PDB file of all heavy atoms in Angstrom:
ATOM      1  N   ARG A   1     -59.660   0.316-102.514  1.00  0.00           N
ATOM      2  CA  ARG A   1     -58.373   0.101-102.986  1.00  0.00           C
ATOM      3  C   ARG A   1     -57.747  -1.200-102.660  1.00  0.00           C
ATOM      4  O   ARG A   1     -56.650  -1.557-103.095  1.00  0.00           O
ATOM      5  CB  ARG A   1     -57.499   1.295-102.581  1.00  0.00           C
ATOM      6  CG  ARG A   1     -57.315   1.435-101.033  1.00  0.00           C
ATOM      7  CD  ARG A   1     -56.193   2.422-100.715  1.00  0.00           C
ATOM      8  NE  ARG A   1     -56.626   3.701-101.195  1.00  0.00           N
ATOM      9  CZ  ARG A   1     -57.241   4.660-100.562  1.00  0.00           C
ATOM     10  NH1 ARG A   1     -57.573   4.516 -99.274  1.00  0.00           N
ATOM     11  NH2 ARG A   1     -57.545   5.890-101.072  1.00  0.00           N
ATOM     12  N   LEU A   2     -58.428  -1.968-101.737  1.00  0.00           N
ATOM     13  CA  LEU A   2     -57.908  -3.208-101.283  1.00  0.00           C
ATOM     14  C   LEU A   2     -58.135  -4.347-102.243  1.00  0.00           C
ATOM     15  O   LEU A   2     -57.614  -5.453-102.085  1.00  0.00           O
ATOM     16  CB  LEU A   2     -58.389  -3.546 -99.881  1.00  0.00           C
ATOM     17  CG  LEU A   2     -58.041  -2.557 -98.783  1.00  0.00           C
ATOM     18  CD1 LEU A   2     -58.722  -3.007 -97.494  1.00  0.00           C
ATOM     19  CD2 LEU A   2     -56.581  -2.448 -98.683  1.00  0.00           C
ATOM     20  N   ILE A   3     -59.028  -4.153-103.233  1.00  0.00           N
ATOM     21  CA  ILE A   3     -59.428  -5.213-104.128  1.00  0.00           C
ATOM     22  C   ILE A   3     -59.034  -4.749-105.586  1.00  0.00           C
ATOM     23  O   ILE A   3     -58.778  -3.535-105.778  1.00  0.00           O
ATOM     24  CB  ILE A   3     -60.938  -5.552-104.085  1.00  0.00           C
ATOM     25  CG1 ILE A   3     -61.812  -4.311-104.294  1.00  0.00           C
ATOM     26  CG2 ILE A   3     -61.180  -6.212-102.771  1.00  0.00           C
ATOM     27  CD1 ILE A   3     -63.277  -4.651-104.174  1.00  0.00           C
ATOM     28  N   PRO A   4     -59.009  -5.685-106.543  1.00  0.00           N
ATOM     29  CA  PRO A   4     -58.541  -5.283-107.888  1.00  0.00           C
ATOM     30  C   PRO A   4     -59.246  -4.014-108.470  1.00  0.00           C
ATOM     31  O   PRO A   4     -60.416  -3.746-108.190  1.00  0.00           O
ATOM     32  CB  PRO A   4     -58.883  -6.533-108.667  1.00  0.00           C
ATOM     33  CG  PRO A   4     -58.818  -7.655-107.720  1.00  0.00           C
ATOM     34  CD  PRO A   4     -59.402  -6.996-106.478  1.00  0.00           C
ATOM     35  N   ASP A   5     -58.380  -3.270-109.232  1.00  0.00           N
ATOM     36  CA  ASP A   5     -58.872  -2.042-109.841  1.00  0.00           C
ATOM     37  C   ASP A   5     -59.400  -2.254-111.275  1.00  0.00           C
ATOM     38  O   ASP A   5     -59.460  -1.222-112.008  1.00  0.00           O
ATOM     39  CB  ASP A   5     -57.802  -0.925-109.700  1.00  0.00           C
ATOM     40  CG  ASP A   5     -56.582  -1.312-110.620  1.00  0.00           C
ATOM     41  OD1 ASP A   5     -56.475  -2.588-111.005  1.00  0.00           O
ATOM     42  OD2 ASP A   5     -55.713  -0.539-110.856  1.00  0.00           O
ATOM     43  N   HIS A   6     -59.739  -3.422-111.642  1.00  0.00           N
ATOM     44  CA  HIS A   6     -60.205  -3.802-112.946  1.00  0.00           C
ATOM     45  C   HIS A   6     -61.530  -4.556-112.853  1.00  0.00           C
ATOM     46  O   HIS A   6     -61.810  -5.231-111.819  1.00  0.00           O
ATOM     47  CB  HIS A   6     -59.177  -4.494-113.795  1.00  0.00           C
ATOM     48  CG  HIS A   6     -58.691  -5.651-113.080  1.00  0.00           C
ATOM     49  ND1 HIS A   6     -57.705  -5.711-112.170  1.00  0.00           N
ATOM     50  CD2 HIS A   6     -59.074  -7.022-113.218  1.00  0.00           C
ATOM     51  CE1 HIS A   6     -57.392  -6.946-111.650  1.00  0.00           C
ATOM     52  NE2 HIS A   6     -58.313  -7.710-112.264  1.00  0.00           N
ATOM     53  N   PRO A   7     -62.255  -4.616-113.867  1.00  0.00           N
ATOM     54  CA  PRO A   7     -63.506  -5.444-113.942  1.00  0.00           C
ATOM     55  C   PRO A   7     -63.208  -6.883-113.609  1.00  0.00           C
ATOM     56  O   PRO A   7     -62.353  -7.396-114.270  1.00  0.00           O
ATOM     57  CB  PRO A   7     -64.116  -5.240-115.274  1.00  0.00           C
ATOM     58  CG  PRO A   7     -63.640  -3.888-115.732  1.00  0.00           C
ATOM     59  CD  PRO A   7     -62.209  -3.789-115.124  1.00  0.00           C
ATOM     60  N   THR A   8     -63.791  -7.436-112.579  1.00  0.00           N
ATOM     61  CA  THR A   8     -63.367  -8.723-112.171  1.00  0.00           C
ATOM     62  C   THR A   8     -64.691  -9.508-111.668  1.00  0.00           C
ATOM     63  O   THR A   8     -65.695  -8.921-111.093  1.00  0.00           O
ATOM     64  CB  THR A   8     -62.502  -8.747-110.968  1.00  0.00           C
ATOM     65  OG1 THR A   8     -61.308  -7.955-111.400  1.00  0.00           O
ATOM     66  CG2 THR A   8     -61.997 -10.124-110.561  1.00  0.00           C
ATOM     67  N   VAL A   9     -64.734 -10.759-111.810  1.00  0.00           N
ATOM     68  CA  VAL A   9     -65.758 -11.689-111.301  1.00  0.00           C
ATOM     69  C   VAL A   9     -65.164 -12.637-110.368  1.00  0.00           C
ATOM     70  O   VAL A   9     -64.095 -13.260-110.568  1.00  0.00           O
ATOM     71  CB  VAL A   9     -66.501 -12.456-112.529  1.00  0.00           C
ATOM     72  CG1 VAL A   9     -67.504 -13.406-111.876  1.00  0.00           C
ATOM     73  CG2 VAL A   9     -67.081 -11.523-113.519  1.00  0.00           C
ATOM     74  N   PHE A  10     -65.757 -12.662-109.143  1.00  0.00           N
ATOM     75  CA  PHE A  10     -65.377 -13.530-108.058  1.00  0.00           C
ATOM     76  C   PHE A  10     -66.406 -14.607-107.750  1.00  0.00           C
ATOM     77  O   PHE A  10     -67.548 -14.313-107.786  1.00  0.00           O
ATOM     78  CB  PHE A  10     -65.099 -12.820-106.736  1.00  0.00           C
ATOM     79  CG  PHE A  10     -64.064 -11.750-106.835  1.00  0.00           C
ATOM     80  CD1 PHE A  10     -64.430 -10.399-106.998  1.00  0.00           C
ATOM     81  CD2 PHE A  10     -62.790 -12.039-106.684  1.00  0.00           C
ATOM     82  CE1 PHE A  10     -63.440  -9.389-107.063  1.00  0.00           C
ATOM     83  CE2 PHE A  10     -61.702 -11.031-106.745  1.00  0.00           C
ATOM     84  CZ  PHE A  10     -62.113  -9.775-106.930  1.00  0.00           C
ATOM     85  N   PRO A  11     -65.959 -15.844-107.369  1.00  0.00           N
ATOM     86  CA  PRO A  11     -66.920 -16.826-106.784  1.00  0.00           C
ATOM     87  C   PRO A  11     -67.293 -16.290-105.416  1.00  0.00           C
ATOM     88  O   PRO A  11     -66.388 -15.820-104.630  1.00  0.00           O
ATOM     89  CB  PRO A  11     -66.150 -18.114-106.816  1.00  0.00           C
ATOM     90  CG  PRO A  11     -64.737 -17.669-106.658  1.00  0.00           C
ATOM     91  CD  PRO A  11     -64.590 -16.424-107.520  1.00  0.00           C
ATOM     92  N   ALA A  12     -68.522 -16.371-105.071  1.00  0.00           N
ATOM     93  CA  ALA A  12     -69.025 -15.872-103.762  1.00  0.00           C
ATOM     94  C   ALA A  12     -68.921 -17.051-102.737  1.00  0.00           C
ATOM     95  O   ALA A  12     -69.641 -18.053-102.898  1.00  0.00           O
ATOM     96  CB  ALA A  12     -70.357 -15.283-103.757  1.00  0.00           C
ATOM     97  N   SER A  13     -68.195 -16.896-101.652  1.00  0.00           N
ATOM     98  CA  SER A  13     -68.196 -17.901-100.537  1.00  0.00           C
ATOM     99  C   SER A  13     -69.509 -17.738 -99.817  1.00  0.00           C
ATOM    100  O   SER A  13     -70.278 -16.697 -99.922  1.00  0.00           O
ATOM    101  CB  SER A  13     -67.044 -17.557 -99.637  1.00  0.00           C
ATOM    102  OG  SER A  13     -67.236 -16.312 -98.897  1.00  0.00           O
ATOM    103  N   ASP A  14     -69.796 -18.746 -98.987  1.00  0.00           N
ATOM    104  CA  ASP A  14     -71.040 -18.706 -98.195  1.00  0.00           C
ATOM    105  C   ASP A  14     -70.986 -17.430 -97.270  1.00  0.00           C
ATOM    106  O   ASP A  14     -72.149 -16.930 -97.107  1.00  0.00           O
ATOM    107  CB  ASP A  14     -71.070 -19.935 -97.316  1.00  0.00           C
ATOM    108  CG  ASP A  14     -71.493 -21.186 -98.181  1.00  0.00           C
ATOM    109  OD1 ASP A  14     -71.868 -21.040 -99.238  1.00  0.00           O
ATOM    110  OD2 ASP A  14     -71.178 -22.291 -97.600  1.00  0.00           O
ATOM    111  N   LEU A  15     -69.839 -17.152 -96.729  1.00  0.00           N
ATOM    112  CA  LEU A  15     -69.727 -15.930 -95.819  1.00  0.00           C
ATOM    113  C   LEU A  15     -70.014 -14.716 -96.615  1.00  0.00           C
ATOM    114  O   LEU A  15     -70.741 -13.749 -96.142  1.00  0.00           O
ATOM    115  CB  LEU A  15     -68.400 -15.961 -95.169  1.00  0.00           C
ATOM    116  CG  LEU A  15     -68.113 -14.730 -94.229  1.00  0.00           C
ATOM    117  CD1 LEU A  15     -69.186 -14.628 -93.109  1.00  0.00           C
ATOM    118  CD2 LEU A  15     -66.700 -14.870 -93.596  1.00  0.00           C
ATOM    119  N   ALA A  16     -69.371 -14.481 -97.795  1.00  0.00           N
ATOM    120  CA  ALA A  16     -69.575 -13.256 -98.580  1.00  0.00           C
ATOM    121  C   ALA A  16     -71.057 -13.149 -98.912  1.00  0.00           C
ATOM    122  O   ALA A  16     -71.647 -12.112 -98.971  1.00  0.00           O
ATOM    123  CB  ALA A  16     -68.671 -13.442 -99.871  1.00  0.00           C
ATOM    124  N   ARG A  17     -71.677 -14.308 -99.286  1.00  0.00           N
ATOM    125  CA  ARG A  17     -73.157 -14.255 -99.697  1.00  0.00           C
ATOM    126  C   ARG A  17     -73.922 -13.767 -98.539  1.00  0.00           C
ATOM    127  O   ARG A  17     -74.831 -12.964 -98.683  1.00  0.00           O
ATOM    128  CB  ARG A  17     -73.525 -15.698-100.119  1.00  0.00           C
ATOM    129  CG  ARG A  17     -74.922 -15.708-100.528  1.00  0.00           C
ATOM    130  CD  ARG A  17     -75.277 -16.996-101.320  1.00  0.00           C
ATOM    131  NE  ARG A  17     -74.876 -18.263-100.590  1.00  0.00           N
ATOM    132  CZ  ARG A  17     -73.843 -18.935-100.937  1.00  0.00           C
ATOM    133  NH1 ARG A  17     -73.088 -18.670-101.979  1.00  0.00           N
ATOM    134  NH2 ARG A  17     -73.607 -20.084-100.301  1.00  0.00           N
ATOM    135  N   ALA A  18     -73.662 -14.271 -97.366  1.00  0.00           N
ATOM    136  CA  ALA A  18     -74.383 -13.900 -96.145  1.00  0.00           C
ATOM    137  C   ALA A  18     -74.249 -12.481 -95.802  1.00  0.00           C
ATOM    138  O   ALA A  18     -75.167 -11.788 -95.454  1.00  0.00           O
ATOM    139  CB  ALA A  18     -73.987 -14.787 -94.990  1.00  0.00           C
ATOM    140  N   VAL A  19     -73.037 -11.969 -95.964  1.00  0.00           N
ATOM    141  CA  VAL A  19     -72.702 -10.523 -95.661  1.00  0.00           C
ATOM    142  C   VAL A  19     -73.435  -9.685 -96.653  1.00  0.00           C
ATOM    143  O   VAL A  19     -74.012  -8.618 -96.363  1.00  0.00           O
ATOM    144  CB  VAL A  19     -71.268 -10.275 -95.692  1.00  0.00           C
ATOM    145  CG1 VAL A  19     -70.928  -8.750 -95.538  1.00  0.00           C
ATOM    146  CG2 VAL A  19     -70.575 -10.950 -94.550  1.00  0.00           C
ATOM    147  N   LEU A  20     -73.469  -9.995 -97.893  1.00  0.00           N
ATOM    148  CA  LEU A  20     -74.093  -9.186 -98.993  1.00  0.00           C
ATOM    149  C   LEU A  20     -75.576  -9.129 -98.664  1.00  0.00           C
ATOM    150  O   LEU A  20     -76.226  -8.049 -98.793  1.00  0.00           O
ATOM    151  CB  LEU A  20     -73.807  -9.822-100.362  1.00  0.00           C
ATOM    152  CG  LEU A  20     -72.422  -9.531-100.888  1.00  0.00           C
ATOM    153  CD1 LEU A  20     -72.185 -10.549-102.087  1.00  0.00           C
ATOM    154  CD2 LEU A  20     -72.159  -8.096-101.341  1.00  0.00           C
ATOM    155  N   LEU A  21     -76.155 -10.258 -98.353  1.00  0.00           N
ATOM    156  CA  LEU A  21     -77.625 -10.251 -98.065  1.00  0.00           C
ATOM    157  C   LEU A  21     -77.980  -9.510 -96.815  1.00  0.00           C
ATOM    158  O   LEU A  21     -78.929  -8.763 -96.767  1.00  0.00           O
ATOM    159  CB  LEU A  21     -78.129 -11.690 -97.867  1.00  0.00           C
ATOM    160  CG  LEU A  21     -78.097 -12.517 -99.257  1.00  0.00           C
ATOM    161  CD1 LEU A  21     -78.451 -13.961 -98.892  1.00  0.00           C
ATOM    162  CD2 LEU A  21     -79.060 -11.968-100.231  1.00  0.00           C
ATOM    163  N   ALA A  22     -77.041  -9.562 -95.770  1.00  0.00           N
ATOM    164  CA  ALA A  22     -77.291  -8.807 -94.593  1.00  0.00           C
ATOM    165  C   ALA A  22     -77.202  -7.262 -94.786  1.00  0.00           C
ATOM    166  O   ALA A  22     -78.044  -6.457 -94.322  1.00  0.00           O
ATOM    167  CB  ALA A  22     -76.247  -9.195 -93.475  1.00  0.00           C
ATOM    168  N   LEU A  23     -76.201  -6.861 -95.598  1.00  0.00           N
ATOM    169  CA  LEU A  23     -75.944  -5.472 -95.842  1.00  0.00           C
ATOM    170  C   LEU A  23     -77.003  -4.826 -96.671  1.00  0.00           C
ATOM    171  O   LEU A  23     -77.340  -3.616 -96.656  1.00  0.00           O
ATOM    172  CB  LEU A  23     -74.618  -5.192 -96.535  1.00  0.00           C
ATOM    173  CG  LEU A  23     -73.422  -5.360 -95.634  1.00  0.00           C
ATOM    174  CD1 LEU A  23     -72.117  -5.454 -96.463  1.00  0.00           C
ATOM    175  CD2 LEU A  23     -73.278  -4.340 -94.672  1.00  0.00           C
ATOM    176  N   THR A  24     -77.706  -5.677 -97.454  1.00  0.00           N
ATOM    177  CA  THR A  24     -78.751  -5.097 -98.420  1.00  0.00           C
ATOM    178  C   THR A  24     -80.206  -5.361 -97.905  1.00  0.00           C
ATOM    179  O   THR A  24     -81.197  -5.168 -98.570  1.00  0.00           O
ATOM    180  CB  THR A  24     -78.612  -5.693 -99.799  1.00  0.00           C
ATOM    181  OG1 THR A  24     -78.603  -7.167 -99.676  1.00  0.00           O
ATOM    182  CG2 THR A  24     -77.297  -5.247-100.363  1.00  0.00           C
ATOM    183  N   GLY A  25     -80.262  -6.101 -96.657  1.00  0.00           N
ATOM    184  CA  GLY A  25     -81.634  -6.301 -96.042  1.00  0.00           C
ATOM    185  C   GLY A  25     -82.106  -5.091 -95.224  1.00  0.00           C
ATOM    186  O   GLY A  25     -81.424  -4.029 -95.272  1.00  0.00           O
ATOM    187  N   PRO A  26     -83.196  -5.275 -94.553  1.00  0.00           N
ATOM    188  CA  PRO A  26     -83.798  -4.096 -93.812  1.00  0.00           C
ATOM    189  C   PRO A  26     -82.787  -3.605 -92.766  1.00  0.00           C
ATOM    190  O   PRO A  26     -82.670  -2.349 -92.566  1.00  0.00           O
ATOM    191  CB  PRO A  26     -84.941  -4.824 -93.122  1.00  0.00           C
ATOM    192  CG  PRO A  26     -85.345  -5.914 -93.968  1.00  0.00           C
ATOM    193  CD  PRO A  26     -84.054  -6.483 -94.560  1.00  0.00           C
ATOM    194  N   ARG A  27     -82.028  -4.456 -92.125  1.00  0.00           N
ATOM    195  CA  ARG A  27     -81.065  -3.990 -91.078  1.00  0.00           C
ATOM    196  C   ARG A  27     -79.937  -3.207 -91.680  1.00  0.00           C
ATOM    197  O   ARG A  27     -79.331  -2.240 -91.226  1.00  0.00           O
ATOM    198  CB  ARG A  27     -80.480  -5.145 -90.284  1.00  0.00           C
ATOM    199  CG  ARG A  27     -81.505  -5.791 -89.349  1.00  0.00           C
ATOM    200  CD  ARG A  27     -80.774  -6.798 -88.409  1.00  0.00           C
ATOM    201  NE  ARG A  27     -79.965  -6.039 -87.535  1.00  0.00           N
ATOM    202  CZ  ARG A  27     -79.065  -6.704 -86.626  1.00  0.00           C
ATOM    203  NH1 ARG A  27     -79.046  -7.980 -86.644  1.00  0.00           N
ATOM    204  NH2 ARG A  27     -78.366  -6.012 -85.804  1.00  0.00           N
ATOM    205  N   GLY A  28     -79.505  -3.702 -92.968  1.00  0.00           N
ATOM    206  CA  GLY A  28     -78.386  -3.066 -93.627  1.00  0.00           C
ATOM    207  C   GLY A  28     -78.740  -1.669 -94.116  1.00  0.00           C
ATOM    208  O   GLY A  28     -77.891  -0.799 -94.163  1.00  0.00           O
ATOM    209  N   HIS A  29     -79.950  -1.424 -94.463  1.00  0.00           N
ATOM    210  CA  HIS A  29     -80.373  -0.198 -95.011  1.00  0.00           C
ATOM    211  C   HIS A  29     -80.837   0.796 -93.847  1.00  0.00           C
ATOM    212  O   HIS A  29     -81.211   1.907 -94.086  1.00  0.00           O
ATOM    213  CB  HIS A  29     -81.625  -0.345 -95.967  1.00  0.00           C
ATOM    214  CG  HIS A  29     -81.170  -0.833 -97.285  1.00  0.00           C
ATOM    215  ND1 HIS A  29     -80.275  -0.221 -98.093  1.00  0.00           N
ATOM    216  CD2 HIS A  29     -81.488  -2.080 -98.008  1.00  0.00           C
ATOM    217  CE1 HIS A  29     -80.085  -1.007 -99.169  1.00  0.00           C
ATOM    218  NE2 HIS A  29     -80.835  -2.107 -99.085  1.00  0.00           N
ATOM    219  N   GLY A  30     -80.934   0.204 -92.687  1.00  0.00           N
ATOM    220  CA  GLY A  30     -81.337   0.965 -91.480  1.00  0.00           C
ATOM    221  C   GLY A  30     -82.828   1.377 -91.560  1.00  0.00           C
ATOM    222  O   GLY A  30     -83.336   2.438 -91.049  1.00  0.00           O
ATOM    223  N   ASP A  31     -83.594   0.548 -92.175  1.00  0.00           N
ATOM    224  CA  ASP A  31     -85.122   0.718 -92.362  1.00  0.00           C
ATOM    225  C   ASP A  31     -85.823   0.438 -91.074  1.00  0.00           C
ATOM    226  O   ASP A  31     -86.980   0.712 -90.948  1.00  0.00           O
ATOM    227  CB  ASP A  31     -85.665  -0.135 -93.458  1.00  0.00           C
ATOM    228  CG  ASP A  31     -85.059   0.264 -94.819  1.00  0.00           C
ATOM    229  OD1 ASP A  31     -84.592   1.414 -94.876  1.00  0.00           O
ATOM    230  OD2 ASP A  31     -85.087  -0.549 -95.709  1.00  0.00           O
ATOM    231  N   THR A  32     -85.169  -0.228 -90.026  1.00  0.00           N
ATOM    232  CA  THR A  32     -85.909  -0.446 -88.867  1.00  0.00           C
ATOM    233  C   THR A  32     -85.080   0.023 -87.659  1.00  0.00           C
ATOM    234  O   THR A  32     -83.842   0.333 -87.749  1.00  0.00           O
ATOM    235  CB  THR A  32     -86.101  -2.016 -88.701  1.00  0.00           C
ATOM    236  OG1 THR A  32     -84.814  -2.668 -88.518  1.00  0.00           O
ATOM    237  CG2 THR A  32     -86.793  -2.677 -89.945  1.00  0.00           C
TER     238      THR A  32
END
């Protein structure tokens, strides 16, 4: 609810990109 409630495209900052990759990597999925 903190971000827009409509379909939106954002430019990804270096930090956002790093967080997304971290959250979807092995550590993010809890596979290890």
